[in-house]
Amino acid sequence: NSARAHELLHSAKERGLADAVKEALLSGHFEHGMDIGDL
């Protein structure tokens, strides 16, 4: 489930880091087998 990862994105957005976090999440999920539901 991507809900918690979206919460992380909102945290990053407040600090101007949304693009870096979104890139890392997408790359991790589709290229590196990252578990986007793991805290």
Full PDB file with SEQRES, HELIX, SHEET, SSBOND, CRYST1, ORIGX, SCALE, CONECT and MASTER records, all heavy atoms in Angstrom:
SEQRES   1 A   39  ASN SER ALA ARG ALA HIS GLU LEU LEU HIS SER ALA LYS          
SEQRES   2 A   39  GLU ARG GLY LEU ALA ASP ALA VAL LYS GLU ALA LEU LEU          
SEQRES   3 A   39  SER GLY HIS PHE GLU HIS GLY MET ASP ILE GLY ASP LEU          
HELIX    1 AA1 ALA A    3  LYS A   13  1                                  11    
HELIX    2 AA2 ALA A   18  GLU A   31  1                                  14    
CRYST1    1.000    1.000    1.000  90.00  90.00  90.00 P 1           1          
ORIGX1      1.000000  0.000000  0.000000        0.00000                         
ORIGX2      0.000000  1.000000  0.000000        0.00000                         
ORIGX3      0.000000  0.000000  1.000000        0.00000                         
SCALE1      1.000000  0.000000  0.000000        0.00000                         
SCALE2      0.000000  1.000000  0.000000        0.00000                         
SCALE3      0.000000  0.000000  1.000000        0.00000                         
ATOM      1  N   ASN A   1       0.845  -1.191   0.000  1.00  0.00           N  
ATOM      2  CA  ASN A   1       0.000   0.000   0.000  1.00  0.00           C  
ATOM      3  C   ASN A   1       0.885   1.246   0.000  1.00  0.00           C  
ATOM      4  O   ASN A   1       1.855   1.331   0.758  1.00  0.00           O  
ATOM      5  CB  ASN A   1      -0.915  -0.004   1.233  1.00  0.00           C  
ATOM      6  CG  ASN A   1      -2.017   1.027   1.133  1.00  0.00           C  
ATOM      7  OD1 ASN A   1      -1.757   2.225   1.063  1.00  0.00           O  
ATOM      8  ND2 ASN A   1      -3.255   0.575   1.139  1.00  0.00           N  
ATOM      9  N   SER A   2       0.528   2.227  -0.843  1.00  0.00           N  
ATOM     10  CA  SER A   2       1.374   3.417  -1.006  1.00  0.00           C  
ATOM     11  C   SER A   2       1.001   4.568  -0.082  1.00  0.00           C  
ATOM     12  O   SER A   2       1.614   5.626  -0.143  1.00  0.00           O  
ATOM     13  CB  SER A   2       1.321   3.900  -2.456  1.00  0.00           C  
ATOM     14  OG  SER A   2      -0.001   4.280  -2.808  1.00  0.00           O  
ATOM     15  N   ALA A   3      -0.010   4.370   0.800  1.00  0.00           N  
ATOM     16  CA  ALA A   3      -0.519   5.479   1.612  1.00  0.00           C  
ATOM     17  C   ALA A   3       0.568   6.122   2.463  1.00  0.00           C  
ATOM     18  O   ALA A   3       0.702   7.353   2.503  1.00  0.00           O  
ATOM     19  CB  ALA A   3      -1.664   4.992   2.493  1.00  0.00           C  
ATOM     20  N   ARG A   4       1.342   5.312   3.157  1.00  0.00           N  
ATOM     21  CA  ARG A   4       2.358   5.863   4.056  1.00  0.00           C  
ATOM     22  C   ARG A   4       3.460   6.574   3.271  1.00  0.00           C  
ATOM     23  O   ARG A   4       4.011   7.586   3.722  1.00  0.00           O  
ATOM     24  CB  ARG A   4       2.947   4.765   4.935  1.00  0.00           C  
ATOM     25  CG  ARG A   4       3.852   5.263   6.031  1.00  0.00           C  
ATOM     26  CD  ARG A   4       4.278   4.140   6.951  1.00  0.00           C  
ATOM     27  NE  ARG A   4       3.334   3.948   8.031  1.00  0.00           N  
ATOM     28  CZ  ARG A   4       3.474   3.023   8.990  1.00  0.00           C  
ATOM     29  NH1 ARG A   4       4.501   2.197   8.961  1.00  0.00           N  
ATOM     30  NH2 ARG A   4       2.587   2.918   9.951  1.00  0.00           N  
ATOM     31  N   ALA A   5       3.768   6.072   2.089  1.00  0.00           N  
ATOM     32  CA  ALA A   5       4.765   6.741   1.241  1.00  0.00           C  
ATOM     33  C   ALA A   5       4.259   8.112   0.802  1.00  0.00           C  
ATOM     34  O   ALA A   5       5.038   9.066   0.697  1.00  0.00           O  
ATOM     35  CB  ALA A   5       5.085   5.874   0.023  1.00  0.00           C  
ATOM     36  N   HIS A   6       2.953   8.232   0.575  1.00  0.00           N  
ATOM     37  CA  HIS A   6       2.386   9.537   0.237  1.00  0.00           C  
ATOM     38  C   HIS A   6       2.476  10.490   1.432  1.00  0.00           C  
ATOM     39  O   HIS A   6       2.681  11.699   1.259  1.00  0.00           O  
ATOM     40  CB  HIS A   6       0.927   9.384  -0.198  1.00  0.00           C  
ATOM     41  CG  HIS A   6       0.770   8.901  -1.606  1.00  0.00           C  
ATOM     42  ND1 HIS A   6       1.159   9.646  -2.701  1.00  0.00           N  
ATOM     43  CD2 HIS A   6       0.278   7.735  -2.105  1.00  0.00           C  
ATOM     44  CE1 HIS A   6       0.899   8.978  -3.806  1.00  0.00           C  
ATOM     45  NE2 HIS A   6       0.363   7.810  -3.471  1.00  0.00           N  
ATOM     46  N   GLU A   7       2.336   9.965   2.633  1.00  0.00           N  
ATOM     47  CA  GLU A   7       2.504  10.803   3.821  1.00  0.00           C  
ATOM     48  C   GLU A   7       3.934  11.336   3.885  1.00  0.00           C  
ATOM     49  O   GLU A   7       4.161  12.508   4.222  1.00  0.00           O  
ATOM     50  CB  GLU A   7       2.170  10.004   5.074  1.00  0.00           C  
ATOM     51  CG  GLU A   7       0.705   9.595   5.187  1.00  0.00           C  
ATOM     52  CD  GLU A   7       0.451   8.737   6.411  1.00  0.00           C  
ATOM     53  OE1 GLU A   7       0.993   9.045   7.487  1.00  0.00           O  
ATOM     54  OE2 GLU A   7      -0.277   7.725   6.285  1.00  0.00           O  
ATOM     55  N   LEU A   8       4.897  10.490   3.557  1.00  0.00           N  
ATOM     56  CA  LEU A   8       6.290  10.934   3.515  1.00  0.00           C  
ATOM     57  C   LEU A   8       6.469  12.048   2.491  1.00  0.00           C  
ATOM     58  O   LEU A   8       7.187  13.031   2.742  1.00  0.00           O  
ATOM     59  CB  LEU A   8       7.207   9.756   3.169  1.00  0.00           C  
ATOM     60  CG  LEU A   8       8.685  10.093   2.920  1.00  0.00           C  
ATOM     61  CD1 LEU A   8       9.327  10.673   4.171  1.00  0.00           C  
ATOM     62  CD2 LEU A   8       9.449   8.850   2.447  1.00  0.00           C  
ATOM     63  N   LEU A   9       5.811  11.926   1.358  1.00  0.00           N  
ATOM     64  CA  LEU A   9       5.909  12.952   0.321  1.00  0.00           C  
ATOM     65  C   LEU A   9       5.395  14.297   0.810  1.00  0.00           C  
ATOM     66  O   LEU A   9       5.967  15.340   0.502  1.00  0.00           O  
ATOM     67  CB  LEU A   9       5.140  12.515  -0.925  1.00  0.00           C  
ATOM     68  CG  LEU A   9       5.880  11.580  -1.876  1.00  0.00           C  
ATOM     69  CD1 LEU A   9       4.922  11.015  -2.907  1.00  0.00           C  
ATOM     70  CD2 LEU A   9       7.026  12.307  -2.558  1.00  0.00           C  
ATOM     71  N   HIS A  10       4.320  14.296   1.581  1.00  0.00           N  
ATOM     72  CA  HIS A  10       3.793  15.555   2.107  1.00  0.00           C  
ATOM     73  C   HIS A  10       4.751  16.167   3.126  1.00  0.00           C  
ATOM     74  O   HIS A  10       4.907  17.392   3.190  1.00  0.00           O  
ATOM     75  CB  HIS A  10       2.418  15.335   2.720  1.00  0.00           C  
ATOM     76  CG  HIS A  10       1.312  15.396   1.713  1.00  0.00           C  
ATOM     77  ND1 HIS A  10       0.751  16.580   1.292  1.00  0.00           N  
ATOM     78  CD2 HIS A  10       0.702  14.414   0.996  1.00  0.00           C  
ATOM     79  CE1 HIS A  10      -0.175  16.331   0.377  1.00  0.00           C  
ATOM     80  NE2 HIS A  10      -0.231  15.026   0.178  1.00  0.00           N  
ATOM     81  N   SER A  11       5.398  15.330   3.893  1.00  0.00           N  
ATOM     82  CA  SER A  11       6.409  15.830   4.825  1.00  0.00           C  
ATOM     83  C   SER A  11       7.553  16.480   4.059  1.00  0.00           C  
ATOM     84  O   SER A  11       8.040  17.555   4.412  1.00  0.00           O  
ATOM     85  CB  SER A  11       6.935  14.683   5.689  1.00  0.00           C  
ATOM     86  OG  SER A  11       7.974  15.120   6.538  1.00  0.00           O  
ATOM     87  N   ALA A  12       7.966  15.836   2.980  1.00  0.00           N  
ATOM     88  CA  ALA A  12       9.054  16.366   2.157  1.00  0.00           C  
ATOM     89  C   ALA A  12       8.638  17.641   1.438  1.00  0.00           C  
ATOM     90  O   ALA A  12       9.440  18.564   1.255  1.00  0.00           O  
ATOM     91  CB  ALA A  12       9.496  15.310   1.147  1.00  0.00           C  
ATOM     92  N   LYS A  13       7.369  17.723   1.027  1.00  0.00           N  
ATOM     93  CA  LYS A  13       6.875  18.893   0.312  1.00  0.00           C  
ATOM     94  C   LYS A  13       7.012  20.152   1.168  1.00  0.00           C  
ATOM     95  O   LYS A  13       7.355  21.228   0.660  1.00  0.00           O  
ATOM     96  CB  LYS A  13       5.417  18.689  -0.084  1.00  0.00           C  
ATOM     97  CG  LYS A  13       4.832  19.824  -0.925  1.00  0.00           C  
ATOM     98  CD  LYS A  13       3.318  19.726  -1.041  1.00  0.00           C  
ATOM     99  CE  LYS A  13       2.892  18.505  -1.799  1.00  0.00           C  
ATOM    100  NZ  LYS A  13       1.414  18.504  -2.059  1.00  0.00           N  
ATOM    101  N   GLU A  14       6.749  20.028   2.451  1.00  0.00           N  
ATOM    102  CA  GLU A  14       6.846  21.191   3.338  1.00  0.00           C  
ATOM    103  C   GLU A  14       8.262  21.734   3.429  1.00  0.00           C  
ATOM    104  O   GLU A  14       8.466  22.886   3.807  1.00  0.00           O  
ATOM    105  CB  GLU A  14       6.360  20.808   4.739  1.00  0.00           C  
ATOM    106  CG  GLU A  14       4.860  20.609   4.846  1.00  0.00           C  
ATOM    107  CD  GLU A  14       4.399  20.446   6.273  1.00  0.00           C  
ATOM    108  OE1 GLU A  14       5.262  20.324   7.176  1.00  0.00           O  
ATOM    109  OE2 GLU A  14       3.178  20.437   6.512  1.00  0.00           O  
ATOM    110  N   ARG A  15       9.244  20.922   3.089  1.00  0.00           N  
ATOM    111  CA  ARG A  15      10.643  21.326   3.184  1.00  0.00           C  
ATOM    112  C   ARG A  15      11.314  21.463   1.817  1.00  0.00           C  
ATOM    113  O   ARG A  15      12.533  21.505   1.720  1.00  0.00           O  
ATOM    114  CB  ARG A  15      11.403  20.331   4.066  1.00  0.00           C  
ATOM    115  CG  ARG A  15      10.934  20.389   5.520  1.00  0.00           C  
ATOM    116  CD  ARG A  15      11.144  19.067   6.247  1.00  0.00           C  
ATOM    117  NE  ARG A  15      10.597  19.130   7.605  1.00  0.00           N  
ATOM    118  CZ  ARG A  15       9.309  18.976   7.898  1.00  0.00           C  
ATOM    119  NH1 ARG A  15       8.430  18.751   6.925  1.00  0.00           N  
ATOM    120  NH2 ARG A  15       8.882  19.047   9.141  1.00  0.00           N  
ATOM    121  N   GLY A  16      10.496  21.499   0.766  1.00  0.00           N  
ATOM    122  CA  GLY A  16      11.040  21.686  -0.578  1.00  0.00           C  
ATOM    123  C   GLY A  16      11.807  20.511  -1.121  1.00  0.00           C  
ATOM    124  O   GLY A  16      12.651  20.660  -2.010  1.00  0.00           O  
ATOM    125  N   LEU A  17      11.516  19.308  -0.614  1.00  0.00           N  
ATOM    126  CA  LEU A  17      12.263  18.114  -1.015  1.00  0.00           C  
ATOM    127  C   LEU A  17      11.371  17.072  -1.686  1.00  0.00           C  
ATOM    128  O   LEU A  17      11.745  15.907  -1.798  1.00  0.00           O  
ATOM    129  CB  LEU A  17      12.953  17.495   0.204  1.00  0.00           C  
ATOM    130  CG  LEU A  17      14.006  18.376   0.886  1.00  0.00           C  
ATOM    131  CD1 LEU A  17      14.449  17.746   2.207  1.00  0.00           C  
ATOM    132  CD2 LEU A  17      15.209  18.574  -0.029  1.00  0.00           C  
ATOM    133  N   ALA A  18      10.201  17.484  -2.131  1.00  0.00           N  
ATOM    134  CA  ALA A  18       9.235  16.524  -2.680  1.00  0.00           C  
ATOM    135  C   ALA A  18       9.772  15.806  -3.911  1.00  0.00           C  
ATOM    136  O   ALA A  18       9.579  14.600  -4.067  1.00  0.00           O  
ATOM    137  CB  ALA A  18       7.927  17.239  -3.020  1.00  0.00           C  
ATOM    138  N   ASP A  19      10.460  16.528  -4.798  1.00  0.00           N  
ATOM    139  CA  ASP A  19      10.931  15.894  -6.022  1.00  0.00           C  
ATOM    140  C   ASP A  19      11.985  14.833  -5.733  1.00  0.00           C  
ATOM    141  O   ASP A  19      11.960  13.746  -6.321  1.00  0.00           O  
ATOM    142  CB  ASP A  19      11.495  16.927  -6.998  1.00  0.00           C  
ATOM    143  CG  ASP A  19      11.666  16.351  -8.388  1.00  0.00           C  
ATOM    144  OD1 ASP A  19      10.656  16.273  -9.124  1.00  0.00           O  
ATOM    145  OD2 ASP A  19      12.789  15.950  -8.734  1.00  0.00           O  
ATOM    146  N   ALA A  20      12.898  15.120  -4.831  1.00  0.00           N  
ATOM    147  CA  ALA A  20      13.947  14.152  -4.496  1.00  0.00           C  
ATOM    148  C   ALA A  20      13.350  12.902  -3.869  1.00  0.00           C  
ATOM    149  O   ALA A  20      13.761  11.772  -4.184  1.00  0.00           O  
ATOM    150  CB  ALA A  20      14.965  14.786  -3.552  1.00  0.00           C  
ATOM    151  N   VAL A  21      12.375  13.095  -2.981  1.00  0.00           N  
ATOM    152  CA  VAL A  21      11.752  11.949  -2.323  1.00  0.00           C  
ATOM    153  C   VAL A  21      10.908  11.151  -3.318  1.00  0.00           C  
ATOM    154  O   VAL A  21      10.933   9.916  -3.316  1.00  0.00           O  
ATOM    155  CB  VAL A  21      10.901  12.411  -1.126  1.00  0.00           C  
ATOM    156  CG1 VAL A  21      10.036  11.274  -0.596  1.00  0.00           C  
ATOM    157  CG2 VAL A  21      11.809  12.926  -0.013  1.00  0.00           C  
ATOM    158  N   LYS A  22      10.162  11.842  -4.182  1.00  0.00           N  
ATOM    159  CA  LYS A  22       9.344  11.136  -5.176  1.00  0.00           C  
ATOM    160  C   LYS A  22      10.221  10.314  -6.110  1.00  0.00           C  
ATOM    161  O   LYS A  22       9.903   9.159  -6.433  1.00  0.00           O  
ATOM    162  CB  LYS A  22       8.523  12.154  -5.976  1.00  0.00           C  
ATOM    163  CG  LYS A  22       7.515  11.526  -6.947  1.00  0.00           C  
ATOM    164  CD  LYS A  22       6.491  10.705  -6.181  1.00  0.00           C  
ATOM    165  CE  LYS A  22       5.379  10.185  -7.095  1.00  0.00           C  
ATOM    166  NZ  LYS A  22       4.418  11.237  -7.459  1.00  0.00           N  
ATOM    167  N   GLU A  23      11.327  10.883  -6.544  1.00  0.00           N  
ATOM    168  CA  GLU A  23      12.254  10.165  -7.415  1.00  0.00           C  
ATOM    169  C   GLU A  23      12.788   8.910  -6.723  1.00  0.00           C  
ATOM    170  O   GLU A  23      12.843   7.823  -7.323  1.00  0.00           O  
ATOM    171  CB  GLU A  23      13.409  11.078  -7.816  1.00  0.00           C  
ATOM    172  CG  GLU A  23      14.451  10.434  -8.710  1.00  0.00           C  
ATOM    173  CD  GLU A  23      13.955  10.156 -10.115  1.00  0.00           C  
ATOM    174  OE1 GLU A  23      13.010  10.822 -10.565  1.00  0.00           O  
ATOM    175  OE2 GLU A  23      14.520   9.265 -10.773  1.00  0.00           O  
ATOM    176  N   ALA A  24      13.171   9.051  -5.455  1.00  0.00           N  
ATOM    177  CA  ALA A  24      13.721   7.917  -4.707  1.00  0.00           C  
ATOM    178  C   ALA A  24      12.682   6.824  -4.500  1.00  0.00           C  
ATOM    179  O   ALA A  24      12.980   5.628  -4.593  1.00  0.00           O  
ATOM    180  CB  ALA A  24      14.265   8.390  -3.368  1.00  0.00           C  
ATOM    181  N   LEU A  25      11.451   7.218  -4.226  1.00  0.00           N  
ATOM    182  CA  LEU A  25      10.386   6.235  -4.011  1.00  0.00           C  
ATOM    183  C   LEU A  25      10.061   5.479  -5.300  1.00  0.00           C  
ATOM    184  O   LEU A  25       9.923   4.244  -5.293  1.00  0.00           O  
ATOM    185  CB  LEU A  25       9.136   6.932  -3.489  1.00  0.00           C  
ATOM    186  CG  LEU A  25       9.191   7.439  -2.050  1.00  0.00           C  
ATOM    187  CD1 LEU A  25       7.954   8.297  -1.749  1.00  0.00           C  
ATOM    188  CD2 LEU A  25       9.284   6.281  -1.057  1.00  0.00           C  
ATOM    189  N   LEU A  26       9.939   6.200  -6.399  1.00  0.00           N  
ATOM    190  CA  LEU A  26       9.627   5.555  -7.668  1.00  0.00           C  
ATOM    191  C   LEU A  26      10.751   4.631  -8.125  1.00  0.00           C  
ATOM    192  O   LEU A  26      10.509   3.500  -8.554  1.00  0.00           O  
ATOM    193  CB  LEU A  26       9.353   6.614  -8.740  1.00  0.00           C  
ATOM    194  CG  LEU A  26       8.035   7.380  -8.606  1.00  0.00           C  
ATOM    195  CD1 LEU A  26       8.027   8.601  -9.515  1.00  0.00           C  
ATOM    196  CD2 LEU A  26       6.849   6.476  -8.929  1.00  0.00           C  
ATOM    197  N   SER A  27      11.969   5.119  -8.012  1.00  0.00           N  
ATOM    198  CA  SER A  27      13.112   4.297  -8.399  1.00  0.00           C  
ATOM    199  C   SER A  27      13.227   3.074  -7.497  1.00  0.00           C  
ATOM    200  O   SER A  27      13.445   1.947  -7.963  1.00  0.00           O  
ATOM    201  CB  SER A  27      14.404   5.116  -8.338  1.00  0.00           C  
ATOM    202  OG  SER A  27      15.524   4.313  -8.655  1.00  0.00           O  
ATOM    203  N   GLY A  28      13.070   3.289  -6.196  1.00  0.00           N  
ATOM    204  CA  GLY A  28      13.154   2.174  -5.257  1.00  0.00           C  
ATOM    205  C   GLY A  28      12.095   1.130  -5.534  1.00  0.00           C  
ATOM    206  O   GLY A  28      12.372  -0.081  -5.516  1.00  0.00           O  
ATOM    207  N   HIS A  29      10.884   1.566  -5.802  1.00  0.00           N  
ATOM    208  CA  HIS A  29       9.764   0.641  -6.004  1.00  0.00           C  
ATOM    209  C   HIS A  29       9.890  -0.139  -7.304  1.00  0.00           C  
ATOM    210  O   HIS A  29       9.711  -1.370  -7.308  1.00  0.00           O  
ATOM    211  CB  HIS A  29       8.455   1.429  -5.995  1.00  0.00           C  
ATOM    212  CG  HIS A  29       7.232   0.583  -6.117  1.00  0.00           C  
ATOM    213  ND1 HIS A  29       6.912  -0.417  -5.218  1.00  0.00           N  
ATOM    214  CD2 HIS A  29       6.213   0.581  -7.040  1.00  0.00           C  
ATOM    215  CE1 HIS A  29       5.772  -0.997  -5.564  1.00  0.00           C  
ATOM    216  NE2 HIS A  29       5.332  -0.414  -6.667  1.00  0.00           N  
ATOM    217  N   PHE A  30      10.200   0.544  -8.402  1.00  0.00           N  
ATOM    218  CA  PHE A  30      10.178  -0.114  -9.711  1.00  0.00           C  
ATOM    219  C   PHE A  30      11.526  -0.665 -10.171  1.00  0.00           C  
ATOM    220  O   PHE A  30      11.557  -1.533 -11.040  1.00  0.00           O  
ATOM    221  CB  PHE A  30       9.630   0.850 -10.765  1.00  0.00           C  
ATOM    222  CG  PHE A  30       8.156   1.089 -10.636  1.00  0.00           C  
ATOM    223  CD1 PHE A  30       7.677   2.310 -10.182  1.00  0.00           C  
ATOM    224  CD2 PHE A  30       7.252   0.088 -10.935  1.00  0.00           C  
ATOM    225  CE1 PHE A  30       6.312   2.524 -10.038  1.00  0.00           C  
ATOM    226  CE2 PHE A  30       5.888   0.294 -10.797  1.00  0.00           C  
ATOM    227  CZ  PHE A  30       5.417   1.512 -10.338  1.00  0.00           C  
ATOM    228  N   GLU A  31      12.606  -0.160  -9.607  1.00  0.00           N  
ATOM    229  CA  GLU A  31      13.922  -0.602 -10.076  1.00  0.00           C  
ATOM    230  C   GLU A  31      14.705  -1.422  -9.061  1.00  0.00           C  
ATOM    231  O   GLU A  31      15.601  -2.191  -9.436  1.00  0.00           O  
ATOM    232  CB  GLU A  31      14.763   0.616 -10.479  1.00  0.00           C  
ATOM    233  CG  GLU A  31      14.167   1.434 -11.621  1.00  0.00           C  
ATOM    234  CD  GLU A  31      15.029   2.630 -12.006  1.00  0.00           C  
ATOM    235  OE1 GLU A  31      15.312   3.467 -11.119  1.00  0.00           O  
ATOM    236  OE2 GLU A  31      15.441   2.706 -13.183  1.00  0.00           O  
ATOM    237  N   HIS A  32      14.403  -1.265  -7.766  1.00  0.00           N  
ATOM    238  CA  HIS A  32      15.277  -1.863  -6.751  1.00  0.00           C  
ATOM    239  C   HIS A  32      14.564  -2.707  -5.704  1.00  0.00           C  
ATOM    240  O   HIS A  32      15.167  -3.066  -4.697  1.00  0.00           O  
ATOM    241  CB  HIS A  32      16.074  -0.754  -6.051  1.00  0.00           C  
ATOM    242  CG  HIS A  32      16.867   0.095  -7.004  1.00  0.00           C  
ATOM    243  ND1 HIS A  32      17.953  -0.389  -7.713  1.00  0.00           N  
ATOM    244  CD2 HIS A  32      16.711   1.390  -7.386  1.00  0.00           C  
ATOM    245  CE1 HIS A  32      18.439   0.574  -8.479  1.00  0.00           C  
ATOM    246  NE2 HIS A  32      17.701   1.661  -8.309  1.00  0.00           N  
ATOM    247  N   GLY A  33      13.305  -3.044  -5.933  1.00  0.00           N  
ATOM    248  CA  GLY A  33      12.604  -3.935  -5.018  1.00  0.00           C  
ATOM    249  C   GLY A  33      12.392  -3.379  -3.626  1.00  0.00           C  
ATOM    250  O   GLY A  33      12.310  -4.133  -2.646  1.00  0.00           O  
ATOM    251  N   MET A  34      12.254  -2.073  -3.501  1.00  0.00           N  
ATOM    252  CA  MET A  34      12.021  -1.462  -2.200  1.00  0.00           C  
ATOM    253  C   MET A  34      10.586  -1.688  -1.742  1.00  0.00           C  
ATOM    254  O   MET A  34       9.653  -1.655  -2.548  1.00  0.00           O  
ATOM    255  CB  MET A  34      12.299   0.045  -2.284  1.00  0.00           C  
ATOM    256  CG  MET A  34      11.937   0.819  -1.035  1.00  0.00           C  
ATOM    257  SD  MET A  34      12.031   2.605  -1.300  1.00  0.00           S  
ATOM    258  CE  MET A  34      11.207   3.191   0.172  1.00  0.00           C  
ATOM    259  N   ASP A  35      10.412  -1.902  -0.457  1.00  0.00           N  
ATOM    260  CA  ASP A  35       9.079  -2.065   0.128  1.00  0.00           C  
ATOM    261  C   ASP A  35       8.570  -0.691   0.562  1.00  0.00           C  
ATOM    262  O   ASP A  35       8.967  -0.172   1.605  1.00  0.00           O  
ATOM    263  CB  ASP A  35       9.152  -3.012   1.327  1.00  0.00           C  
ATOM    264  CG  ASP A  35       7.785  -3.302   1.929  1.00  0.00           C  
ATOM    265  OD1 ASP A  35       6.809  -2.620   1.562  1.00  0.00           O  
ATOM    266  OD2 ASP A  35       7.702  -4.207   2.781  1.00  0.00           O  
ATOM    267  N   ILE A  36       7.683  -0.089  -0.240  1.00  0.00           N  
ATOM    268  CA  ILE A  36       7.213   1.267   0.050  1.00  0.00           C  
ATOM    269  C   ILE A  36       6.198   1.304   1.195  1.00  0.00           C  
ATOM    270  O   ILE A  36       5.723   2.373   1.570  1.00  0.00           O  
ATOM    271  CB  ILE A  36       6.604   1.938  -1.194  1.00  0.00           C  
ATOM    272  CG1 ILE A  36       5.399   1.139  -1.713  1.00  0.00           C  
ATOM    273  CG2 ILE A  36       7.654   2.131  -2.267  1.00  0.00           C  
ATOM    274  CD1 ILE A  36       4.635   1.834  -2.827  1.00  0.00           C  
ATOM    275  N   GLY A  37       5.895   0.147   1.755  1.00  0.00           N  
ATOM    276  CA  GLY A  37       5.021   0.103   2.917  1.00  0.00           C  
ATOM    277  C   GLY A  37       5.780  -0.067   4.215  1.00  0.00           C  
ATOM    278  O   GLY A  37       5.189  -0.032   5.305  1.00  0.00           O  
ATOM    279  N   ASP A  38       7.098  -0.218   4.128  1.00  0.00           N  
ATOM    280  CA  ASP A  38       7.927  -0.468   5.308  1.00  0.00           C  
ATOM    281  C   ASP A  38       8.399   0.849   5.927  1.00  0.00           C  
ATOM    282  O   ASP A  38       9.017   1.673   5.248  1.00  0.00           O  
ATOM    283  CB  ASP A  38       9.130  -1.329   4.917  1.00  0.00           C  
ATOM    284  CG  ASP A  38      10.011  -1.656   6.107  1.00  0.00           C  
ATOM    285  OD1 ASP A  38       9.644  -2.542   6.891  1.00  0.00           O  
ATOM    286  OD2 ASP A  38      11.065  -0.987   6.262  1.00  0.00           O  
ATOM    287  N   LEU A  39       8.113   1.037   7.192  1.00  0.00           N  
ATOM    288  CA  LEU A  39       8.434   2.291   7.874  1.00  0.00           C  
ATOM    289  C   LEU A  39       9.925   2.605   7.821  1.00  0.00           C  
ATOM    290  O   LEU A  39      10.325   3.728   7.494  1.00  0.00           O  
ATOM    291  CB  LEU A  39       7.961   2.223   9.328  1.00  0.00           C  
ATOM    292  CG  LEU A  39       8.336   3.424  10.209  1.00  0.00           C  
ATOM    293  CD1 LEU A  39       7.688   4.701   9.679  1.00  0.00           C  
ATOM    294  CD2 LEU A  39       7.905   3.175  11.658  1.00  0.00           C  
TER     295      LEU A  39                                                      
MASTER        0    0    0    2    0    0    0    6  294    1    0    3          
END                                                                             
